[in-house]
Amino acid sequence: KELFESASIDGAGPTKAFFKILLPLGMPGIVCT
């Protein structure tokens, strides 16, 4: 969660954090699903 907190401090909103952080790191889970 620290990645999202750091992104929020740097000015990234929830949408940007989703596409820039969650999608790259969460892609294995998304592909599996």
PDB file of all heavy atoms in Angstrom:
ATOM      1  N   LYS A   1       0.823  -1.210   0.000  1.00  0.00           N
ATOM      2  CA  LYS A   1       0.000   0.000   0.000  1.00  0.00           C
ATOM      3  C   LYS A   1       0.858   1.262   0.000  1.00  0.00           C
ATOM      4  O   LYS A   1       0.399   2.344  -0.387  1.00  0.00           O
ATOM      5  CB  LYS A   1      -0.921  -0.006   1.231  1.00  0.00           C
ATOM      6  CG  LYS A   1      -2.003  -1.071   1.178  1.00  0.00           C
ATOM      7  CD  LYS A   1      -2.955  -0.950   2.360  1.00  0.00           C
ATOM      8  CE  LYS A   1      -4.059  -2.018   2.273  1.00  0.00           C
ATOM      9  NZ  LYS A   1      -5.011  -1.914   3.406  1.00  0.00           N
ATOM     10  N   GLU A   2       2.116   1.095   0.452  1.00  0.00           N
ATOM     11  CA  GLU A   2       3.020   2.251   0.487  1.00  0.00           C
ATOM     12  C   GLU A   2       3.234   2.850  -0.896  1.00  0.00           C
ATOM     13  O   GLU A   2       3.467   4.061  -1.035  1.00  0.00           O
ATOM     14  CB  GLU A   2       4.363   1.853   1.086  1.00  0.00           C
ATOM     15  CG  GLU A   2       4.331   1.527   2.571  1.00  0.00           C
ATOM     16  CD  GLU A   2       3.771   0.158   2.868  1.00  0.00           C
ATOM     17  OE1 GLU A   2       3.585  -0.636   1.908  1.00  0.00           O
ATOM     18  OE2 GLU A   2       3.501  -0.141   4.037  1.00  0.00           O
ATOM     19  N   LEU A   3       3.152   2.010  -1.931  1.00  0.00           N
ATOM     20  CA  LEU A   3       3.313   2.505  -3.305  1.00  0.00           C
ATOM     21  C   LEU A   3       2.213   3.503  -3.649  1.00  0.00           C
ATOM     22  O   LEU A   3       2.469   4.537  -4.275  1.00  0.00           O
ATOM     23  CB  LEU A   3       3.296   1.336  -4.292  1.00  0.00           C
ATOM     24  CG  LEU A   3       4.463   0.342  -4.207  1.00  0.00           C
ATOM     25  CD1 LEU A   3       4.233  -0.829  -5.151  1.00  0.00           C
ATOM     26  CD2 LEU A   3       5.781   1.038  -4.549  1.00  0.00           C
ATOM     27  N   PHE A   4       1.002   3.211  -3.241  1.00  0.00           N
ATOM     28  CA  PHE A   4      -0.128   4.102  -3.529  1.00  0.00           C
ATOM     29  C   PHE A   4      -0.059   5.359  -2.662  1.00  0.00           C
ATOM     30  O   PHE A   4      -0.428   6.449  -3.118  1.00  0.00           O
ATOM     31  CB  PHE A   4      -1.447   3.356  -3.297  1.00  0.00           C
ATOM     32  CG  PHE A   4      -1.643   2.190  -4.222  1.00  0.00           C
ATOM     33  CD1 PHE A   4      -1.233   0.914  -3.854  1.00  0.00           C
ATOM     34  CD2 PHE A   4      -2.201   2.370  -5.474  1.00  0.00           C
ATOM     35  CE1 PHE A   4      -1.407  -0.159  -4.706  1.00  0.00           C
ATOM     36  CE2 PHE A   4      -2.375   1.290  -6.340  1.00  0.00           C
ATOM     37  CZ  PHE A   4      -1.969   0.025  -5.952  1.00  0.00           C
ATOM     38  N   GLU A   5       0.419   5.198  -1.437  1.00  0.00           N
ATOM     39  CA  GLU A   5       0.578   6.371  -0.571  1.00  0.00           C
ATOM     40  C   GLU A   5       1.635   7.317  -1.133  1.00  0.00           C
ATOM     41  O   GLU A   5       1.462   8.536  -1.119  1.00  0.00           O
ATOM     42  CB  GLU A   5       0.952   5.920   0.840  1.00  0.00           C
ATOM     43  CG  GLU A   5      -0.158   5.153   1.542  1.00  0.00           C
ATOM     44  CD  GLU A   5       0.283   4.539   2.865  1.00  0.00           C
ATOM     45  OE1 GLU A   5       1.487   4.690   3.215  1.00  0.00           O
ATOM     46  OE2 GLU A   5      -0.545   3.901   3.544  1.00  0.00           O
ATOM     47  N   SER A   6       2.742   6.753  -1.623  1.00  0.00           N
ATOM     48  CA  SER A   6       3.797   7.581  -2.228  1.00  0.00           C
ATOM     49  C   SER A   6       3.280   8.274  -3.477  1.00  0.00           C
ATOM     50  O   SER A   6       3.575   9.452  -3.715  1.00  0.00           O
ATOM     51  CB  SER A   6       5.002   6.704  -2.585  1.00  0.00           C
ATOM     52  OG  SER A   6       5.545   6.087  -1.435  1.00  0.00           O
ATOM     53  N   ALA A   7       2.494   7.533  -4.285  1.00  0.00           N
ATOM     54  CA  ALA A   7       1.934   8.121  -5.504  1.00  0.00           C
ATOM     55  C   ALA A   7       0.975   9.254  -5.161  1.00  0.00           C
ATOM     56  O   ALA A   7       0.935  10.287  -5.851  1.00  0.00           O
ATOM     57  CB  ALA A   7       1.211   7.038  -6.318  1.00  0.00           C
ATOM     58  N   SER A   8       0.221   9.078  -4.081  1.00  0.00           N
ATOM     59  CA  SER A   8      -0.718  10.124  -3.663  1.00  0.00           C
ATOM     60  C   SER A   8       0.024  11.378  -3.213  1.00  0.00           C
ATOM     61  O   SER A   8      -0.386  12.508  -3.521  1.00  0.00           O
ATOM     62  CB  SER A   8      -1.591   9.598  -2.521  1.00  0.00           C
ATOM     63  OG  SER A   8      -2.480  10.588  -2.074  1.00  0.00           O
ATOM     64  N   ILE A   9       1.149  11.174  -2.503  1.00  0.00           N
ATOM     65  CA  ILE A   9       1.963  12.317  -2.063  1.00  0.00           C
ATOM     66  C   ILE A   9       2.543  13.059  -3.260  1.00  0.00           C
ATOM     67  O   ILE A   9       2.653  14.294  -3.267  1.00  0.00           O
ATOM     68  CB  ILE A   9       3.092  11.830  -1.126  1.00  0.00           C
ATOM     69  CG1 ILE A   9       2.498  11.302   0.181  1.00  0.00           C
ATOM     70  CG2 ILE A   9       4.086  12.959  -0.843  1.00  0.00           C
ATOM     71  CD1 ILE A   9       3.503  10.641   1.094  1.00  0.00           C
ATOM     72  N   ASP A  10       2.884  12.300  -4.305  1.00  0.00           N
ATOM     73  CA  ASP A  10       3.447  12.913  -5.522  1.00  0.00           C
ATOM     74  C   ASP A  10       2.380  13.539  -6.406  1.00  0.00           C
ATOM     75  O   ASP A  10       2.693  14.065  -7.478  1.00  0.00           O
ATOM     76  CB  ASP A  10       4.198  11.857  -6.329  1.00  0.00           C
ATOM     77  CG  ASP A  10       5.473  11.398  -5.612  1.00  0.00           C
ATOM     78  OD1 ASP A  10       5.964  12.172  -4.756  1.00  0.00           O
ATOM     79  OD2 ASP A  10       5.942  10.278  -5.894  1.00  0.00           O
ATOM     80  N   GLY A  11       1.140  13.475  -5.981  1.00  0.00           N
ATOM     81  CA  GLY A  11       0.074  14.148  -6.719  1.00  0.00           C
ATOM     82  C   GLY A  11      -0.725  13.252  -7.645  1.00  0.00           C
ATOM     83  O   GLY A  11      -1.580  13.748  -8.398  1.00  0.00           O
ATOM     84  N   ALA A  12      -0.490  11.946  -7.621  1.00  0.00           N
ATOM     85  CA  ALA A  12      -1.230  11.034  -8.484  1.00  0.00           C
ATOM     86  C   ALA A  12      -2.582  10.710  -7.865  1.00  0.00           C
ATOM     87  O   ALA A  12      -2.676  10.356  -6.683  1.00  0.00           O
ATOM     88  CB  ALA A  12      -0.438   9.741  -8.692  1.00  0.00           C
ATOM     89  N   GLY A  13      -3.640  10.837  -8.643  1.00  0.00           N
ATOM     90  CA  GLY A  13      -4.970  10.517  -8.170  1.00  0.00           C
ATOM     91  C   GLY A  13      -5.236   9.020  -8.236  1.00  0.00           C
ATOM     92  O   GLY A  13      -4.400   8.240  -8.719  1.00  0.00           O
ATOM     93  N   PRO A  14      -6.401   8.577  -7.765  1.00  0.00           N
ATOM     94  CA  PRO A  14      -6.733   7.150  -7.774  1.00  0.00           C
ATOM     95  C   PRO A  14      -6.696   6.519  -9.171  1.00  0.00           C
ATOM     96  O   PRO A  14      -6.237   5.386  -9.324  1.00  0.00           O
ATOM     97  CB  PRO A  14      -8.147   7.119  -7.197  1.00  0.00           C
ATOM     98  CG  PRO A  14      -8.261   8.374  -6.393  1.00  0.00           C
ATOM     99  CD  PRO A  14      -7.433   9.392  -7.113  1.00  0.00           C
ATOM    100  N   THR A  15      -7.173   7.268 -10.159  1.00  0.00           N
ATOM    101  CA  THR A  15      -7.197   6.727 -11.526  1.00  0.00           C
ATOM    102  C   THR A  15      -5.789   6.521 -12.066  1.00  0.00           C
ATOM    103  O   THR A  15      -5.477   5.471 -12.651  1.00  0.00           O
ATOM    104  CB  THR A  15      -7.980   7.665 -12.473  1.00  0.00           C
ATOM    105  OG1 THR A  15      -9.294   7.878 -11.949  1.00  0.00           O
ATOM    106  CG2 THR A  15      -8.074   7.060 -13.862  1.00  0.00           C
ATOM    107  N   LYS A  16      -4.939   7.515 -11.865  1.00  0.00           N
ATOM    108  CA  LYS A  16      -3.558   7.406 -12.333  1.00  0.00           C
ATOM    109  C   LYS A  16      -2.827   6.285 -11.597  1.00  0.00           C
ATOM    110  O   LYS A  16      -2.050   5.531 -12.199  1.00  0.00           O
ATOM    111  CB  LYS A  16      -2.824   8.729 -12.126  1.00  0.00           C
ATOM    112  CG  LYS A  16      -1.432   8.756 -12.757  1.00  0.00           C
ATOM    113  CD  LYS A  16      -0.799  10.134 -12.650  1.00  0.00           C
ATOM    114  CE  LYS A  16       0.567  10.141 -13.326  1.00  0.00           C
ATOM    115  NZ  LYS A  16       1.208  11.491 -13.231  1.00  0.00           N
ATOM    116  N   ALA A  17      -3.068   6.156 -10.295  1.00  0.00           N
ATOM    117  CA  ALA A  17      -2.430   5.086  -9.520  1.00  0.00           C
ATOM    118  C   ALA A  17      -2.887   3.713 -10.016  1.00  0.00           C
ATOM    119  O   ALA A  17      -2.103   2.757 -10.038  1.00  0.00           O
ATOM    120  CB  ALA A  17      -2.765   5.247  -8.041  1.00  0.00           C
ATOM    121  N   PHE A  18      -4.145   3.632 -10.422  1.00  0.00           N
ATOM    122  CA  PHE A  18      -4.668   2.366 -10.948  1.00  0.00           C
ATOM    123  C   PHE A  18      -3.903   1.947 -12.200  1.00  0.00           C
ATOM    124  O   PHE A  18      -3.465   0.802 -12.318  1.00  0.00           O
ATOM    125  CB  PHE A  18      -6.161   2.509 -11.250  1.00  0.00           C
ATOM    126  CG  PHE A  18      -6.768   1.288 -11.880  1.00  0.00           C
ATOM    127  CD1 PHE A  18      -7.218   0.237 -11.101  1.00  0.00           C
ATOM    128  CD2 PHE A  18      -6.884   1.188 -13.256  1.00  0.00           C
ATOM    129  CE1 PHE A  18      -7.779  -0.893 -11.675  1.00  0.00           C
ATOM    130  CE2 PHE A  18      -7.441   0.059 -13.853  1.00  0.00           C
ATOM    131  CZ  PHE A  18      -7.892  -0.990 -13.056  1.00  0.00           C
ATOM    132  N   PHE A  19      -3.754   2.866 -13.128  1.00  0.00           N
ATOM    133  CA  PHE A  19      -3.126   2.522 -14.410  1.00  0.00           C
ATOM    134  C   PHE A  19      -1.600   2.445 -14.315  1.00  0.00           C
ATOM    135  O   PHE A  19      -0.974   1.646 -15.043  1.00  0.00           O
ATOM    136  CB  PHE A  19      -3.523   3.548 -15.481  1.00  0.00           C
ATOM    137  CG  PHE A  19      -4.946   3.415 -15.935  1.00  0.00           C
ATOM    138  CD1 PHE A  19      -5.920   4.293 -15.487  1.00  0.00           C
ATOM    139  CD2 PHE A  19      -5.319   2.393 -16.800  1.00  0.00           C
ATOM    140  CE1 PHE A  19      -7.238   4.159 -15.907  1.00  0.00           C
ATOM    141  CE2 PHE A  19      -6.631   2.249 -17.220  1.00  0.00           C
ATOM    142  CZ  PHE A  19      -7.604   3.136 -16.761  1.00  0.00           C
ATOM    143  N   LYS A  20      -0.988   3.229 -13.441  1.00  0.00           N
ATOM    144  CA  LYS A  20       0.468   3.276 -13.371  1.00  0.00           C
ATOM    145  C   LYS A  20       1.070   2.269 -12.383  1.00  0.00           C
ATOM    146  O   LYS A  20       2.206   1.823 -12.555  1.00  0.00           O
ATOM    147  CB  LYS A  20       0.932   4.690 -12.985  1.00  0.00           C
ATOM    148  CG  LYS A  20       0.618   5.752 -14.023  1.00  0.00           C
ATOM    149  CD  LYS A  20       1.404   5.544 -15.306  1.00  0.00           C
ATOM    150  CE  LYS A  20       1.156   6.670 -16.298  1.00  0.00           C
ATOM    151  NZ  LYS A  20       1.920   6.469 -17.555  1.00  0.00           N
ATOM    152  N   ILE A  21       0.313   1.913 -11.359  1.00  0.00           N
ATOM    153  CA  ILE A  21       0.853   1.024 -10.315  1.00  0.00           C
ATOM    154  C   ILE A  21       0.134  -0.324 -10.300  1.00  0.00           C
ATOM    155  O   ILE A  21       0.747  -1.383 -10.399  1.00  0.00           O
ATOM    156  CB  ILE A  21       0.756   1.685  -8.923  1.00  0.00           C
ATOM    157  CG1 ILE A  21       1.573   2.978  -8.893  1.00  0.00           C
ATOM    158  CG2 ILE A  21       1.243   0.727  -7.840  1.00  0.00           C
ATOM    159  CD1 ILE A  21       1.427   3.769  -7.605  1.00  0.00           C
ATOM    160  N   LEU A  22      -1.184  -0.258 -10.173  1.00  0.00           N
ATOM    161  CA  LEU A  22      -1.931  -1.503  -9.999  1.00  0.00           C
ATOM    162  C   LEU A  22      -1.874  -2.397 -11.233  1.00  0.00           C
ATOM    163  O   LEU A  22      -1.634  -3.618 -11.117  1.00  0.00           O
ATOM    164  CB  LEU A  22      -3.384  -1.204  -9.651  1.00  0.00           C
ATOM    165  CG  LEU A  22      -4.213  -2.449  -9.333  1.00  0.00           C
ATOM    166  CD1 LEU A  22      -3.852  -2.984  -7.960  1.00  0.00           C
ATOM    167  CD2 LEU A  22      -5.691  -2.159  -9.409  1.00  0.00           C
ATOM    168  N   LEU A  23      -2.106  -1.830 -12.411  1.00  0.00           N
ATOM    169  CA  LEU A  23      -2.133  -2.661 -13.617  1.00  0.00           C
ATOM    170  C   LEU A  23      -0.814  -3.391 -13.875  1.00  0.00           C
ATOM    171  O   LEU A  23      -0.812  -4.600 -14.118  1.00  0.00           O
ATOM    172  CB  LEU A  23      -2.518  -1.823 -14.840  1.00  0.00           C
ATOM    173  CG  LEU A  23      -4.010  -1.598 -15.069  1.00  0.00           C
ATOM    174  CD1 LEU A  23      -4.248  -0.894 -16.386  1.00  0.00           C
ATOM    175  CD2 LEU A  23      -4.786  -2.904 -15.036  1.00  0.00           C
ATOM    176  N   PRO A  24       0.348  -2.700 -13.833  1.00  0.00           N
ATOM    177  CA  PRO A  24       1.608  -3.431 -14.066  1.00  0.00           C
ATOM    178  C   PRO A  24       1.874  -4.517 -13.022  1.00  0.00           C
ATOM    179  O   PRO A  24       2.268  -5.632 -13.374  1.00  0.00           O
ATOM    180  CB  PRO A  24       2.676  -2.331 -14.008  1.00  0.00           C
ATOM    181  CG  PRO A  24       1.945  -1.068 -14.312  1.00  0.00           C
ATOM    182  CD  PRO A  24       0.585  -1.240 -13.716  1.00  0.00           C
ATOM    183  N   LEU A  25       1.668  -4.194 -11.741  1.00  0.00           N
ATOM    184  CA  LEU A  25       1.956  -5.164 -10.679  1.00  0.00           C
ATOM    185  C   LEU A  25       0.861  -6.221 -10.534  1.00  0.00           C
ATOM    186  O   LEU A  25       1.128  -7.345 -10.122  1.00  0.00           O
ATOM    187  CB  LEU A  25       2.148  -4.441  -9.344  1.00  0.00           C
ATOM    188  CG  LEU A  25       3.345  -3.493  -9.255  1.00  0.00           C
ATOM    189  CD1 LEU A  25       3.408  -2.835  -7.882  1.00  0.00           C
ATOM    190  CD2 LEU A  25       4.649  -4.238  -9.536  1.00  0.00           C
ATOM    191  N   GLY A  26      -0.358  -5.845 -10.878  1.00  0.00           N
ATOM    192  CA  GLY A  26      -1.469  -6.777 -10.721  1.00  0.00           C
ATOM    193  C   GLY A  26      -1.789  -7.578 -11.959  1.00  0.00           C
ATOM    194  O   GLY A  26      -2.727  -8.383 -11.953  1.00  0.00           O
ATOM    195  N   MET A  27      -1.014  -7.392 -13.037  1.00  0.00           N
ATOM    196  CA  MET A  27      -1.312  -8.066 -14.292  1.00  0.00           C
ATOM    197  C   MET A  27      -1.352  -9.593 -14.184  1.00  0.00           C
ATOM    198  O   MET A  27      -2.211 -10.235 -14.798  1.00  0.00           O
ATOM    199  CB  MET A  27      -0.304  -7.636 -15.366  1.00  0.00           C
ATOM    200  CG  MET A  27      -0.675  -8.093 -16.774  1.00  0.00           C
ATOM    201  SD  MET A  27      -2.327  -7.544 -17.281  1.00  0.00           S
ATOM    202  CE  MET A  27      -2.092  -5.768 -17.400  1.00  0.00           C
ATOM    203  N   PRO A  28      -0.442 -10.236 -13.431  1.00  0.00           N
ATOM    204  CA  PRO A  28      -0.553 -11.699 -13.298  1.00  0.00           C
ATOM    205  C   PRO A  28      -1.902 -12.142 -12.748  1.00  0.00           C
ATOM    206  O   PRO A  28      -2.488 -13.101 -13.235  1.00  0.00           O
ATOM    207  CB  PRO A  28       0.590 -12.047 -12.333  1.00  0.00           C
ATOM    208  CG  PRO A  28       1.580 -10.960 -12.505  1.00  0.00           C
ATOM    209  CD  PRO A  28       0.778  -9.725 -12.765  1.00  0.00           C
ATOM    210  N   GLY A  29      -2.403 -11.438 -11.742  1.00  0.00           N
ATOM    211  CA  GLY A  29      -3.706 -11.777 -11.193  1.00  0.00           C
ATOM    212  C   GLY A  29      -4.831 -11.518 -12.175  1.00  0.00           C
ATOM    213  O   GLY A  29      -5.799 -12.287 -12.246  1.00  0.00           O
ATOM    214  N   ILE A  30      -4.708 -10.447 -12.935  1.00  0.00           N
ATOM    215  CA  ILE A  30      -5.730 -10.122 -13.932  1.00  0.00           C
ATOM    216  C   ILE A  30      -5.747 -11.170 -15.048  1.00  0.00           C
ATOM    217  O   ILE A  30      -6.808 -11.618 -15.494  1.00  0.00           O
ATOM    218  CB  ILE A  30      -5.484  -8.708 -14.504  1.00  0.00           C
ATOM    219  CG1 ILE A  30      -5.689  -7.662 -13.408  1.00  0.00           C
ATOM    220  CG2 ILE A  30      -6.403  -8.431 -15.691  1.00  0.00           C
ATOM    221  CD1 ILE A  30      -5.302  -6.250 -13.812  1.00  0.00           C
ATOM    222  N   VAL A  31      -4.562 -11.565 -15.495  1.00  0.00           N
ATOM    223  CA  VAL A  31      -4.466 -12.586 -16.549  1.00  0.00           C
ATOM    224  C   VAL A  31      -5.022 -13.918 -16.060  1.00  0.00           C
ATOM    225  O   VAL A  31      -5.771 -14.597 -16.766  1.00  0.00           O
ATOM    226  CB  VAL A  31      -3.003 -12.753 -17.018  1.00  0.00           C
ATOM    227  CG1 VAL A  31      -2.867 -13.951 -17.950  1.00  0.00           C
ATOM    228  CG2 VAL A  31      -2.529 -11.486 -17.724  1.00  0.00           C
ATOM    229  N   CYS A  32      -4.667 -14.293 -14.851  1.00  0.00           N
ATOM    230  CA  CYS A  32      -5.173 -15.539 -14.265  1.00  0.00           C
ATOM    231  C   CYS A  32      -6.694 -15.525 -14.198  1.00  0.00           C
ATOM    232  O   CYS A  32      -7.360 -16.505 -14.549  1.00  0.00           O
ATOM    233  CB  CYS A  32      -4.578 -15.727 -12.877  1.00  0.00           C
ATOM    234  SG  CYS A  32      -5.169 -17.199 -12.015  1.00  0.00           S
ATOM    235  N   THR A  33      -7.258 -14.397 -13.755  1.00  0.00           N
ATOM    236  CA  THR A  33      -8.707 -14.257 -13.670  1.00  0.00           C
ATOM    237  C   THR A  33      -9.353 -14.323 -15.053  1.00  0.00           C
ATOM    238  O   THR A  33     -10.399 -14.955 -15.237  1.00  0.00           O
ATOM    239  CB  THR A  33      -9.071 -12.935 -12.985  1.00  0.00           C
ATOM    240  OG1 THR A  33      -8.447 -12.887 -11.700  1.00  0.00           O
ATOM    241  CG2 THR A  33     -10.565 -12.793 -12.832  1.00  0.00           C
TER     242      THR A  33
END
